[in-house]
Amino acid sequence: MLLAYVLSAHAVDAEVNITLPQEAIDAGMSEEELETELKSAIGDELHTVDLSGYLAEMADANVLSAKGMGVDYGSDMQRFAFGGAFGTAVSGAGAALDGGTATGLPETGFALQIGVMAGLNLGAFSEKESALRRFKLYVNGMSAETDRDPFSATFLNYGAHAQIKMIKGGDKTDGIRWGGLDLTTGYEYSSYTLALEQSMPVSTNGMTWDATGTYTMSAEAESLPVELSTNLHVFVVTVFLGGAFDYNLSGGADSKIAVGGPISFKYGSVDEDVGSATLSLSENGDVSEWKARGFVGAQADIFFLKVYGQLNVTTDKSLGGHVGIRAVL
């Protein structure tokens, strides 16, 4: 009795109605038990058990997904830089950068971003020892839509950053050079939206609910990062690392769910519709106001081309990473 109560409360927002054929009832099957079991599966697969907590994870992943894409931490840009990157972030998933349920939804908070960037050294046309060469400006951004069946995924990011060389690096000695200490700050905006485009099946113990309708999750955030970083160049490889404090001016995630559809049930040689289920729900989750973050990366220096990867880790164990290529002059 207690188990039945817990399962019923597990996904109370789903309305499930099953009418079994007499053959199934004669075989000892219970409509009430099957309804409770399907409600539980819907709650697990569609994350309606703790939707606000799930959305908070989505919000945190969205903030982290674009961190570092718009700034170069590993190169000593003297004039210009251009490049692009692809990255993802997760919150509440440990070390797994991706993972989805059978419905195509991320297992925990997840976001992806793709971006392009450009950089300018303010001393690009001044003398080599000019103080202006300590100051660099970067801009970045991109918007696109990708498939994450049965959902479409839409992302947007843009930002601007200023980087100041606080301590100049050393001279190259035997192919090794310390890059000094950089302070970076700026403004970042990112958003990530999942929208149901096809039917979304939820299956358990011979039952399949074929849900269609509206299921959208949208996360967005405005963030101000303050970062300290350094790098070490060794022949054709550069490693860089840093620490950051991210203050989120605004942000969060919300979801609107209104789905329904038939339930099919397979028992023995029979496979037929036995009822229907509907789910209607809206919820939101807040982004963390601030986070401390560490990052580390490595790049291969192929003349003016830099192929790199970067990993971001926050104090609440959110994890993000991206890879990219840049031309740095």
C-alpha atoms as a PDB file:
ATOM      1  CA  MET A   1       0.000   0.000   0.000  1.00  0.00           C
ATOM      2  CA  LEU A   2       2.785   2.429   0.926  1.00  0.00           C
ATOM      3  CA  LEU A   3       4.670   1.594  -2.281  1.00  0.00           C
ATOM      4  CA  ALA A   4       1.566   2.244  -4.368  1.00  0.00           C
ATOM      5  CA  TYR A   5       1.140   5.639  -2.687  1.00  0.00           C
ATOM      6  CA  VAL A   6       4.778   6.599  -3.311  1.00  0.00           C
ATOM      7  CA  LEU A   7       4.588   5.612  -6.968  1.00  0.00           C
ATOM      8  CA  SER A   8       1.338   7.504  -7.457  1.00  0.00           C
ATOM      9  CA  ALA A   9       2.837  10.646  -5.965  1.00  0.00           C
ATOM     10  CA  HIS A  10       5.982  10.089  -8.026  1.00  0.00           C
ATOM     11  CA  ALA A  11       4.359  11.523 -11.185  1.00  0.00           C
ATOM     12  CA  VAL A  12       1.071  12.959  -9.993  1.00  0.00           C
ATOM     13  CA  ASP A  13       0.853  15.401 -12.907  1.00  0.00           C
ATOM     14  CA  ALA A  14       0.254  12.645 -15.488  1.00  0.00           C
ATOM     15  CA  GLU A  15      -3.348  11.545 -16.059  1.00  0.00           C
ATOM     16  CA  VAL A  16      -3.403   7.934 -17.223  1.00  0.00           C
ATOM     17  CA  ASN A  17      -6.517   5.962 -18.212  1.00  0.00           C
ATOM     18  CA  ILE A  18      -6.175   2.296 -19.170  1.00  0.00           C
ATOM     19  CA  THR A  19      -8.961  -0.103 -20.104  1.00  0.00           C
ATOM     20  CA  LEU A  20      -7.681  -3.640 -20.528  1.00  0.00           C
ATOM     21  CA  PRO A  21      -9.370  -6.245 -22.702  1.00  0.00           C
ATOM     22  CA  GLN A  22     -11.041  -9.059 -20.804  1.00  0.00           C
ATOM     23  CA  GLU A  23      -8.333 -11.487 -21.866  1.00  0.00           C
ATOM     24  CA  ALA A  24      -5.692  -9.468 -20.006  1.00  0.00           C
ATOM     25  CA  ILE A  25      -7.867  -9.086 -16.901  1.00  0.00           C
ATOM     26  CA  ASP A  26      -8.520 -12.837 -16.874  1.00  0.00           C
ATOM     27  CA  ALA A  27      -4.751 -13.314 -16.971  1.00  0.00           C
ATOM     28  CA  GLY A  28      -4.483 -11.416 -13.665  1.00  0.00           C
ATOM     29  CA  MET A  29      -3.452  -7.987 -14.946  1.00  0.00           C
ATOM     30  CA  SER A  30      -4.637  -4.892 -13.065  1.00  0.00           C
ATOM     31  CA  GLU A  31      -5.566  -1.617 -14.753  1.00  0.00           C
ATOM     32  CA  GLU A  32      -4.766   0.343 -11.596  1.00  0.00           C
ATOM     33  CA  GLU A  33      -1.299  -1.198 -11.228  1.00  0.00           C
ATOM     34  CA  LEU A  34      -0.467  -0.570 -14.880  1.00  0.00           C
ATOM     35  CA  GLU A  35      -1.633   3.047 -14.611  1.00  0.00           C
ATOM     36  CA  THR A  36       0.566   3.573 -11.536  1.00  0.00           C
ATOM     37  CA  GLU A  37       3.543   1.975 -13.259  1.00  0.00           C
ATOM     38  CA  LEU A  38       3.179   4.149 -16.358  1.00  0.00           C
ATOM     39  CA  LYS A  39       2.817   7.294 -14.235  1.00  0.00           C
ATOM     40  CA  SER A  40       6.097   6.441 -12.572  1.00  0.00           C
ATOM     41  CA  ALA A  41       7.828   5.902 -15.921  1.00  0.00           C
ATOM     42  CA  ILE A  42       6.474   9.211 -17.256  1.00  0.00           C
ATOM     43  CA  GLY A  43       7.734  11.020 -14.177  1.00  0.00           C
ATOM     44  CA  ASP A  44      11.212   9.528 -14.582  1.00  0.00           C
ATOM     45  CA  GLU A  45      11.567   9.963 -18.340  1.00  0.00           C
ATOM     46  CA  LEU A  46      10.053  13.459 -18.574  1.00  0.00           C
ATOM     47  CA  HIS A  47      11.669  14.728 -15.348  1.00  0.00           C
ATOM     48  CA  THR A  48       8.380  15.838 -13.793  1.00  0.00           C
ATOM     49  CA  VAL A  49       9.266  14.426 -10.364  1.00  0.00           C
ATOM     50  CA  ASP A  50      11.454  17.428  -9.492  1.00  0.00           C
ATOM     51  CA  LEU A  51      11.085  19.594 -12.583  1.00  0.00           C
ATOM     52  CA  SER A  52      12.196  22.812 -10.875  1.00  0.00           C
ATOM     53  CA  GLY A  53      15.428  21.117  -9.722  1.00  0.00           C
ATOM     54  CA  TYR A  54      16.019  19.722 -13.211  1.00  0.00           C
ATOM     55  CA  LEU A  55      15.478  23.173 -14.737  1.00  0.00           C
ATOM     56  CA  ALA A  56      17.922  24.715 -12.245  1.00  0.00           C
ATOM     57  CA  GLU A  57      20.521  22.214 -13.493  1.00  0.00           C
ATOM     58  CA  MET A  58      19.692  23.198 -17.089  1.00  0.00           C
ATOM     59  CA  ALA A  59      20.161  26.858 -16.170  1.00  0.00           C
ATOM     60  CA  ASP A  60      23.567  26.217 -14.579  1.00  0.00           C
ATOM     61  CA  ALA A  61      24.708  24.102 -17.544  1.00  0.00           C
ATOM     62  CA  ASN A  62      23.674  26.846 -19.962  1.00  0.00           C
ATOM     63  CA  VAL A  63      25.802  29.429 -18.129  1.00  0.00           C
ATOM     64  CA  LEU A  64      28.860  27.167 -18.200  1.00  0.00           C
ATOM     65  CA  SER A  65      28.502  25.953 -21.794  1.00  0.00           C
ATOM     66  CA  ALA A  66      30.077  29.028 -23.451  1.00  0.00           C
ATOM     67  CA  LYS A  67      32.703  29.879 -20.834  1.00  0.00           C
ATOM     68  CA  GLY A  68      36.061  30.526 -22.474  1.00  0.00           C
ATOM     69  CA  MET A  69      34.881  30.309 -26.089  1.00  0.00           C
ATOM     70  CA  GLY A  70      35.288  34.025 -26.677  1.00  0.00           C
ATOM     71  CA  VAL A  71      38.743  34.538 -25.129  1.00  0.00           C
ATOM     72  CA  ASP A  72      42.257  33.268 -25.860  1.00  0.00           C
ATOM     73  CA  TYR A  73      44.187  32.253 -22.726  1.00  0.00           C
ATOM     74  CA  GLY A  74      47.031  30.368 -24.382  1.00  0.00           C
ATOM     75  CA  SER A  75      48.417  32.672 -27.077  1.00  0.00           C
ATOM     76  CA  ASP A  76      50.300  35.941 -26.918  1.00  0.00           C
ATOM     77  CA  MET A  77      48.175  37.772 -29.501  1.00  0.00           C
ATOM     78  CA  GLN A  78      50.115  40.726 -30.909  1.00  0.00           C
ATOM     79  CA  ARG A  79      47.676  41.876 -33.589  1.00  0.00           C
ATOM     80  CA  PHE A  80      44.537  39.850 -34.371  1.00  0.00           C
ATOM     81  CA  ALA A  81      42.844  36.533 -33.633  1.00  0.00           C
ATOM     82  CA  PHE A  82      39.955  34.711 -35.311  1.00  0.00           C
ATOM     83  CA  GLY A  83      38.481  31.320 -34.505  1.00  0.00           C
ATOM     84  CA  GLY A  84      35.608  29.039 -33.644  1.00  0.00           C
ATOM     85  CA  ALA A  85      34.722  26.412 -31.050  1.00  0.00           C
ATOM     86  CA  PHE A  86      32.170  23.754 -30.081  1.00  0.00           C
ATOM     87  CA  GLY A  87      31.381  22.850 -26.486  1.00  0.00           C
ATOM     88  CA  THR A  88      28.939  21.327 -24.021  1.00  0.00           C
ATOM     89  CA  ALA A  89      28.315  21.526 -20.294  1.00  0.00           C
ATOM     90  CA  VAL A  90      26.477  19.440 -17.722  1.00  0.00           C
ATOM     91  CA  SER A  91      25.253  20.086 -14.208  1.00  0.00           C
ATOM     92  CA  GLY A  92      24.432  17.277 -11.801  1.00  0.00           C
ATOM     93  CA  ALA A  93      25.913  14.563 -14.030  1.00  0.00           C
ATOM     94  CA  GLY A  94      29.411  14.108 -12.658  1.00  0.00           C
ATOM     95  CA  ALA A  95      32.033  13.593 -15.363  1.00  0.00           C
ATOM     96  CA  ALA A  96      29.621  12.716 -18.209  1.00  0.00           C
ATOM     97  CA  LEU A  97      29.438  15.524 -20.774  1.00  0.00           C
ATOM     98  CA  ASP A  98      26.410  13.999 -22.479  1.00  0.00           C
ATOM     99  CA  GLY A  99      23.653  11.567 -21.737  1.00  0.00           C
ATOM    100  CA  GLY A 100      20.019  11.272 -22.613  1.00  0.00           C
ATOM    101  CA  THR A 101      17.009   9.270 -21.547  1.00  0.00           C
ATOM    102  CA  ALA A 102      15.016   7.069 -23.879  1.00  0.00           C
ATOM    103  CA  THR A 103      12.848  10.091 -24.693  1.00  0.00           C
ATOM    104  CA  GLY A 104      15.824  12.095 -25.940  1.00  0.00           C
ATOM    105  CA  LEU A 105      15.881  14.458 -22.965  1.00  0.00           C
ATOM    106  CA  PRO A 106      19.230  15.022 -21.238  1.00  0.00           C
ATOM    107  CA  GLU A 107      19.670  12.864 -18.140  1.00  0.00           C
ATOM    108  CA  THR A 108      20.594  15.962 -16.094  1.00  0.00           C
ATOM    109  CA  GLY A 109      21.233  19.623 -16.840  1.00  0.00           C
ATOM    110  CA  PHE A 110      22.819  19.947 -20.297  1.00  0.00           C
ATOM    111  CA  ALA A 111      23.565  22.654 -22.861  1.00  0.00           C
ATOM    112  CA  LEU A 112      25.671  23.026 -25.970  1.00  0.00           C
ATOM    113  CA  GLN A 113      27.090  26.055 -27.736  1.00  0.00           C
ATOM    114  CA  ILE A 114      28.981  26.768 -30.940  1.00  0.00           C
ATOM    115  CA  GLY A 115      30.672  30.113 -31.346  1.00  0.00           C
ATOM    116  CA  VAL A 116      33.038  32.233 -33.392  1.00  0.00           C
ATOM    117  CA  MET A 117      35.354  34.873 -31.975  1.00  0.00           C
ATOM    118  CA  ALA A 118      37.636  37.722 -33.007  1.00  0.00           C
ATOM    119  CA  GLY A 119      40.341  39.491 -31.029  1.00  0.00           C
ATOM    120  CA  LEU A 120      42.312  42.729 -31.329  1.00  0.00           C
ATOM    121  CA  ASN A 121      45.455  43.816 -29.522  1.00  0.00           C
ATOM    122  CA  LEU A 122      45.101  47.555 -28.883  1.00  0.00           C
ATOM    123  CA  GLY A 123      48.794  47.928 -29.583  1.00  0.00           C
ATOM    124  CA  ALA A 124      48.599  46.065 -32.895  1.00  0.00           C
ATOM    125  CA  PHE A 125      50.148  48.950 -34.831  1.00  0.00           C
ATOM    126  CA  SER A 126      52.270  50.459 -32.084  1.00  0.00           C
ATOM    127  CA  GLU A 127      55.828  49.761 -31.067  1.00  0.00           C
ATOM    128  CA  LYS A 128      56.593  46.375 -29.553  1.00  0.00           C
ATOM    129  CA  GLU A 129      57.258  47.813 -26.091  1.00  0.00           C
ATOM    130  CA  SER A 130      54.150  50.022 -26.097  1.00  0.00           C
ATOM    131  CA  ALA A 131      51.931  49.727 -23.009  1.00  0.00           C
ATOM    132  CA  LEU A 132      48.948  49.339 -25.343  1.00  0.00           C
ATOM    133  CA  ARG A 133      50.106  45.811 -26.154  1.00  0.00           C
ATOM    134  CA  ARG A 134      49.038  44.761 -22.676  1.00  0.00           C
ATOM    135  CA  PHE A 135      45.362  45.354 -23.610  1.00  0.00           C
ATOM    136  CA  LYS A 136      43.287  42.974 -25.753  1.00  0.00           C
ATOM    137  CA  LEU A 137      39.629  43.069 -26.769  1.00  0.00           C
ATOM    138  CA  TYR A 138      37.519  40.093 -27.845  1.00  0.00           C
ATOM    139  CA  VAL A 139      34.017  39.679 -29.253  1.00  0.00           C
ATOM    140  CA  ASN A 140      32.155  36.437 -29.885  1.00  0.00           C
ATOM    141  CA  GLY A 141      28.753  35.059 -30.814  1.00  0.00           C
ATOM    142  CA  MET A 142      26.620  32.653 -32.816  1.00  0.00           C
ATOM    143  CA  SER A 143      23.042  31.402 -33.128  1.00  0.00           C
ATOM    144  CA  ALA A 144      21.897  28.161 -34.753  1.00  0.00           C
ATOM    145  CA  GLU A 145      19.532  25.197 -34.476  1.00  0.00           C
ATOM    146  CA  THR A 146      20.486  21.521 -34.285  1.00  0.00           C
ATOM    147  CA  ASP A 147      18.637  18.209 -33.959  1.00  0.00           C
ATOM    148  CA  ARG A 148      18.419  16.207 -30.749  1.00  0.00           C
ATOM    149  CA  ASP A 149      15.650  13.807 -31.780  1.00  0.00           C
ATOM    150  CA  PRO A 150      12.811  14.031 -31.025  1.00  0.00           C
ATOM    151  CA  PHE A 151      13.670  17.614 -30.028  1.00  0.00           C
ATOM    152  CA  SER A 152      15.157  20.560 -31.839  1.00  0.00           C
ATOM    153  CA  ALA A 153      17.896  22.399 -29.954  1.00  0.00           C
ATOM    154  CA  THR A 154      18.385  26.130 -30.458  1.00  0.00           C
ATOM    155  CA  PHE A 155      21.341  27.990 -28.993  1.00  0.00           C
ATOM    156  CA  LEU A 156      22.505  31.598 -28.890  1.00  0.00           C
ATOM    157  CA  ASN A 157      25.601  33.155 -27.384  1.00  0.00           C
ATOM    158  CA  TYR A 158      27.363  36.481 -27.603  1.00  0.00           C
ATOM    159  CA  GLY A 159      29.780  38.469 -25.514  1.00  0.00           C
ATOM    160  CA  ALA A 160      32.627  40.961 -25.269  1.00  0.00           C
ATOM    161  CA  HIS A 161      35.762  40.742 -23.120  1.00  0.00           C
ATOM    162  CA  ALA A 162      38.782  42.798 -22.170  1.00  0.00           C
ATOM    163  CA  GLN A 163      42.045  41.141 -21.223  1.00  0.00           C
ATOM    164  CA  ILE A 164      44.919  42.919 -19.474  1.00  0.00           C
ATOM    165  CA  LYS A 165      48.453  41.581 -19.096  1.00  0.00           C
ATOM    166  CA  MET A 166      49.047  42.162 -15.384  1.00  0.00           C
ATOM    167  CA  ILE A 167      52.515  40.621 -15.346  1.00  0.00           C
ATOM    168  CA  LYS A 168      54.539  40.297 -18.523  1.00  0.00           C
ATOM    169  CA  GLY A 169      55.868  36.887 -19.434  1.00  0.00           C
ATOM    170  CA  GLY A 170      59.489  35.913 -19.780  1.00  0.00           C
ATOM    171  CA  ASP A 171      61.623  35.531 -22.871  1.00  0.00           C
ATOM    172  CA  LYS A 172      61.657  32.251 -24.733  1.00  0.00           C
ATOM    173  CA  THR A 173      64.514  30.062 -23.473  1.00  0.00           C
ATOM    174  CA  ASP A 174      65.292  26.731 -25.151  1.00  0.00           C
ATOM    175  CA  GLY A 175      61.770  26.659 -26.575  1.00  0.00           C
ATOM    176  CA  ILE A 176      60.107  27.341 -23.212  1.00  0.00           C
ATOM    177  CA  ARG A 177      58.326  30.567 -22.283  1.00  0.00           C
ATOM    178  CA  TRP A 178      56.083  31.610 -19.404  1.00  0.00           C
ATOM    179  CA  GLY A 179      53.204  33.752 -20.637  1.00  0.00           C
ATOM    180  CA  GLY A 180      52.763  35.970 -17.585  1.00  0.00           C
ATOM    181  CA  LEU A 181      49.524  36.682 -15.713  1.00  0.00           C
ATOM    182  CA  ASP A 182      46.320  37.879 -17.433  1.00  0.00           C
ATOM    183  CA  LEU A 183      43.172  39.443 -15.979  1.00  0.00           C
ATOM    184  CA  THR A 184      40.038  38.974 -18.098  1.00  0.00           C
ATOM    185  CA  THR A 185      36.529  40.306 -17.605  1.00  0.00           C
ATOM    186  CA  GLY A 186      33.509  41.087 -19.759  1.00  0.00           C
ATOM    187  CA  TYR A 187      29.860  40.381 -20.493  1.00  0.00           C
ATOM    188  CA  GLU A 188      28.377  37.068 -21.669  1.00  0.00           C
ATOM    189  CA  TYR A 189      24.894  36.042 -22.781  1.00  0.00           C
ATOM    190  CA  SER A 190      23.849  32.475 -23.544  1.00  0.00           C
ATOM    191  CA  SER A 191      20.592  30.616 -24.142  1.00  0.00           C
ATOM    192  CA  TYR A 192      19.661  27.024 -24.921  1.00  0.00           C
ATOM    193  CA  THR A 193      16.184  25.757 -25.856  1.00  0.00           C
ATOM    194  CA  LEU A 194      14.787  22.281 -26.447  1.00  0.00           C
ATOM    195  CA  ALA A 195      11.448  21.994 -28.286  1.00  0.00           C
ATOM    196  CA  LEU A 196       9.581  18.775 -29.085  1.00  0.00           C
ATOM    197  CA  GLU A 197       9.302  18.244 -32.847  1.00  0.00           C
ATOM    198  CA  GLN A 198       8.206  14.587 -33.106  1.00  0.00           C
ATOM    199  CA  SER A 199       6.391  11.975 -31.055  1.00  0.00           C
ATOM    200  CA  MET A 200       8.068  11.064 -27.762  1.00  0.00           C
ATOM    201  CA  PRO A 201       7.545   7.448 -26.634  1.00  0.00           C
ATOM    202  CA  VAL A 202       7.654   6.406 -22.985  1.00  0.00           C
ATOM    203  CA  SER A 203       7.813   2.622 -22.495  1.00  0.00           C
ATOM    204  CA  THR A 204       7.639   0.304 -19.501  1.00  0.00           C
ATOM    205  CA  ASN A 205       6.755  -3.371 -19.042  1.00  0.00           C
ATOM    206  CA  GLY A 206       5.000  -3.865 -22.382  1.00  0.00           C
ATOM    207  CA  MET A 207       3.269  -0.471 -22.372  1.00  0.00           C
ATOM    208  CA  THR A 208       4.176   2.404 -24.677  1.00  0.00           C
ATOM    209  CA  TRP A 209       2.770   5.903 -24.409  1.00  0.00           C
ATOM    210  CA  ASP A 210       3.262   7.772 -27.696  1.00  0.00           C
ATOM    211  CA  ALA A 211       3.227  11.407 -26.563  1.00  0.00           C
ATOM    212  CA  THR A 212       2.862  14.371 -28.884  1.00  0.00           C
ATOM    213  CA  GLY A 213       2.239  18.045 -28.232  1.00  0.00           C
ATOM    214  CA  THR A 214       4.263  20.764 -26.556  1.00  0.00           C
ATOM    215  CA  TYR A 215       7.360  20.155 -24.486  1.00  0.00           C
ATOM    216  CA  THR A 216       9.788  23.068 -24.360  1.00  0.00           C
ATOM    217  CA  MET A 217      12.658  23.872 -22.012  1.00  0.00           C
ATOM    218  CA  SER A 218      14.455  27.162 -22.330  1.00  0.00           C
ATOM    219  CA  ALA A 219      17.446  28.447 -20.335  1.00  0.00           C
ATOM    220  CA  GLU A 220      19.121  31.840 -20.598  1.00  0.00           C
ATOM    221  CA  ALA A 221      21.589  33.884 -18.580  1.00  0.00           C
ATOM    222  CA  GLU A 222      23.631  37.081 -18.469  1.00  0.00           C
ATOM    223  CA  SER A 223      26.991  36.662 -16.773  1.00  0.00           C
ATOM    224  CA  LEU A 224      29.966  38.786 -15.722  1.00  0.00           C
ATOM    225  CA  PRO A 225      33.185  36.751 -15.364  1.00  0.00           C
ATOM    226  CA  VAL A 226      36.389  37.848 -13.637  1.00  0.00           C
ATOM    227  CA  GLU A 227      39.289  35.553 -14.498  1.00  0.00           C
ATOM    228  CA  LEU A 228      42.998  35.243 -13.698  1.00  0.00           C
ATOM    229  CA  SER A 229      44.999  32.990 -16.005  1.00  0.00           C
ATOM    230  CA  THR A 230      48.522  32.049 -16.988  1.00  0.00           C
ATOM    231  CA  ASN A 231      50.165  29.818 -19.585  1.00  0.00           C
ATOM    232  CA  LEU A 232      53.373  27.986 -20.330  1.00  0.00           C
ATOM    233  CA  HIS A 233      54.668  27.452 -23.870  1.00  0.00           C
ATOM    234  CA  VAL A 234      56.875  24.382 -24.407  1.00  0.00           C
ATOM    235  CA  PHE A 235      58.086  24.036 -28.012  1.00  0.00           C
ATOM    236  CA  VAL A 236      54.830  23.500 -30.010  1.00  0.00           C
ATOM    237  CA  VAL A 237      52.518  22.910 -27.042  1.00  0.00           C
ATOM    238  CA  THR A 238      50.984  25.477 -24.706  1.00  0.00           C
ATOM    239  CA  VAL A 239      49.190  24.657 -21.468  1.00  0.00           C
ATOM    240  CA  PHE A 240      47.056  27.237 -19.679  1.00  0.00           C
ATOM    241  CA  LEU A 241      45.052  27.363 -16.475  1.00  0.00           C
ATOM    242  CA  GLY A 242      43.138  29.848 -14.398  1.00  0.00           C
ATOM    243  CA  GLY A 243      40.525  30.621 -11.785  1.00  0.00           C
ATOM    244  CA  ALA A 244      37.352  32.647 -12.157  1.00  0.00           C
ATOM    245  CA  PHE A 245      34.443  34.185 -10.305  1.00  0.00           C
ATOM    246  CA  ASP A 246      31.207  34.287 -12.353  1.00  0.00           C
ATOM    247  CA  TYR A 247      28.433  36.632 -11.292  1.00  0.00           C
ATOM    248  CA  ASN A 248      25.101  36.014 -13.026  1.00  0.00           C
ATOM    249  CA  LEU A 249      23.152  39.227 -13.556  1.00  0.00           C
ATOM    250  CA  SER A 250      20.024  37.300 -14.500  1.00  0.00           C
ATOM    251  CA  GLY A 251      19.036  33.888 -15.698  1.00  0.00           C
ATOM    252  CA  GLY A 252      17.085  30.725 -15.193  1.00  0.00           C
ATOM    253  CA  ALA A 253      15.134  28.104 -17.074  1.00  0.00           C
ATOM    254  CA  ASP A 254      11.454  27.409 -17.652  1.00  0.00           C
ATOM    255  CA  SER A 255       9.423  24.602 -19.141  1.00  0.00           C
ATOM    256  CA  LYS A 256       5.970  24.258 -20.679  1.00  0.00           C
ATOM    257  CA  ILE A 257       4.522  20.768 -21.082  1.00  0.00           C
ATOM    258  CA  ALA A 258       1.197  19.856 -22.690  1.00  0.00           C
ATOM    259  CA  VAL A 259       1.444  16.398 -24.238  1.00  0.00           C
ATOM    260  CA  GLY A 260      -0.919  13.501 -24.777  1.00  0.00           C
ATOM    261  CA  GLY A 261      -1.403  10.380 -26.798  1.00  0.00           C
ATOM    262  CA  PRO A 262      -2.490   6.735 -26.957  1.00  0.00           C
ATOM    263  CA  ILE A 263      -1.167   3.886 -24.849  1.00  0.00           C
ATOM    264  CA  SER A 264      -0.409   0.597 -26.564  1.00  0.00           C
ATOM    265  CA  PHE A 265       0.007  -2.618 -24.604  1.00  0.00           C
ATOM    266  CA  LYS A 266       1.637  -5.816 -25.807  1.00  0.00           C
ATOM    267  CA  TYR A 267       0.831  -9.074 -24.044  1.00  0.00           C
ATOM    268  CA  GLY A 268       1.291 -12.474 -25.631  1.00  0.00           C
ATOM    269  CA  SER A 269       0.639 -12.121 -29.346  1.00  0.00           C
ATOM    270  CA  VAL A 270      -1.689  -9.141 -28.898  1.00  0.00           C
ATOM    271  CA  ASP A 271      -0.571  -5.512 -29.365  1.00  0.00           C
ATOM    272  CA  GLU A 272      -3.376  -2.946 -29.156  1.00  0.00           C
ATOM    273  CA  ASP A 273      -4.343   0.470 -27.824  1.00  0.00           C
ATOM    274  CA  VAL A 274      -5.661   0.257 -24.281  1.00  0.00           C
ATOM    275  CA  GLY A 275      -6.126   3.892 -23.318  1.00  0.00           C
ATOM    276  CA  SER A 276      -4.507   7.304 -23.277  1.00  0.00           C
ATOM    277  CA  ALA A 277      -2.444   9.616 -21.090  1.00  0.00           C
ATOM    278  CA  THR A 278      -2.041  13.373 -20.838  1.00  0.00           C
ATOM    279  CA  LEU A 279       0.421  15.605 -19.026  1.00  0.00           C
ATOM    280  CA  SER A 280       0.113  19.343 -18.489  1.00  0.00           C
ATOM    281  CA  LEU A 281       2.676  21.244 -16.448  1.00  0.00           C
ATOM    282  CA  SER A 282       4.721  24.439 -16.345  1.00  0.00           C
ATOM    283  CA  GLU A 283       7.646  25.150 -14.044  1.00  0.00           C
ATOM    284  CA  ASN A 284      10.819  27.206 -13.724  1.00  0.00           C
ATOM    285  CA  GLY A 285      14.213  26.936 -12.081  1.00  0.00           C
ATOM    286  CA  ASP A 286      16.677  29.618 -11.025  1.00  0.00           C
ATOM    287  CA  VAL A 287      20.319  29.896 -12.009  1.00  0.00           C
ATOM    288  CA  SER A 288      22.905  30.133  -9.242  1.00  0.00           C
ATOM    289  CA  GLU A 289      23.689  33.798  -8.533  1.00  0.00           C
ATOM    290  CA  TRP A 290      27.454  33.271  -8.543  1.00  0.00           C
ATOM    291  CA  LYS A 291      30.006  30.512  -8.899  1.00  0.00           C
ATOM    292  CA  ALA A 292      33.716  30.010  -8.490  1.00  0.00           C
ATOM    293  CA  ARG A 293      35.277  28.196 -11.430  1.00  0.00           C
ATOM    294  CA  GLY A 294      38.597  26.711 -12.419  1.00  0.00           C
ATOM    295  CA  PHE A 295      39.722  26.009 -15.964  1.00  0.00           C
ATOM    296  CA  VAL A 296      42.614  24.260 -17.677  1.00  0.00           C
ATOM    297  CA  GLY A 297      43.494  23.695 -21.292  1.00  0.00           C
ATOM    298  CA  ALA A 298      46.128  22.760 -23.831  1.00  0.00           C
ATOM    299  CA  GLN A 299      46.782  23.777 -27.402  1.00  0.00           C
ATOM    300  CA  ALA A 300      48.982  22.706 -30.285  1.00  0.00           C
ATOM    301  CA  ASP A 301      50.791  25.640 -31.888  1.00  0.00           C
ATOM    302  CA  ILE A 302      51.070  25.076 -35.641  1.00  0.00           C
ATOM    303  CA  PHE A 303      52.641  28.324 -36.804  1.00  0.00           C
ATOM    304  CA  PHE A 304      49.810  30.876 -36.496  1.00  0.00           C
ATOM    305  CA  LEU A 305      47.135  28.160 -36.082  1.00  0.00           C
ATOM    306  CA  LYS A 306      46.165  27.085 -32.557  1.00  0.00           C
ATOM    307  CA  VAL A 307      44.154  23.890 -32.024  1.00  0.00           C
ATOM    308  CA  TYR A 308      43.019  23.731 -28.423  1.00  0.00           C
ATOM    309  CA  GLY A 309      40.751  22.202 -25.808  1.00  0.00           C
ATOM    310  CA  GLN A 310      39.536  23.669 -22.534  1.00  0.00           C
ATOM    311  CA  LEU A 311      37.840  22.188 -19.457  1.00  0.00           C
ATOM    312  CA  ASN A 312      35.785  24.245 -16.956  1.00  0.00           C
ATOM    313  CA  VAL A 313      34.849  22.965 -13.489  1.00  0.00           C
ATOM    314  CA  THR A 314      32.734  24.844 -10.933  1.00  0.00           C
ATOM    315  CA  THR A 315      32.611  24.524  -7.168  1.00  0.00           C
ATOM    316  CA  ASP A 316      29.239  22.719  -7.377  1.00  0.00           C
ATOM    317  CA  LYS A 317      30.826  20.101  -9.687  1.00  0.00           C
ATOM    318  CA  SER A 318      29.259  21.341 -12.904  1.00  0.00           C
ATOM    319  CA  LEU A 319      31.499  20.450 -15.826  1.00  0.00           C
ATOM    320  CA  GLY A 320      31.979  22.032 -19.238  1.00  0.00           C
ATOM    321  CA  GLY A 321      34.397  21.677 -22.093  1.00  0.00           C
ATOM    322  CA  HIS A 322      35.004  22.914 -25.595  1.00  0.00           C
ATOM    323  CA  VAL A 323      37.431  22.406 -28.467  1.00  0.00           C
ATOM    324  CA  GLY A 324      38.307  24.823 -31.216  1.00  0.00           C
ATOM    325  CA  ILE A 325      40.790  26.312 -33.634  1.00  0.00           C
ATOM    326  CA  ARG A 326      42.134  29.850 -33.894  1.00  0.00           C
ATOM    327  CA  ALA A 327      44.375  31.867 -36.161  1.00  0.00           C
ATOM    328  CA  VAL A 328      46.513  34.160 -34.008  1.00  0.00           C
ATOM    329  CA  LEU A 329      48.812  36.847 -35.404  1.00  0.00           C
END
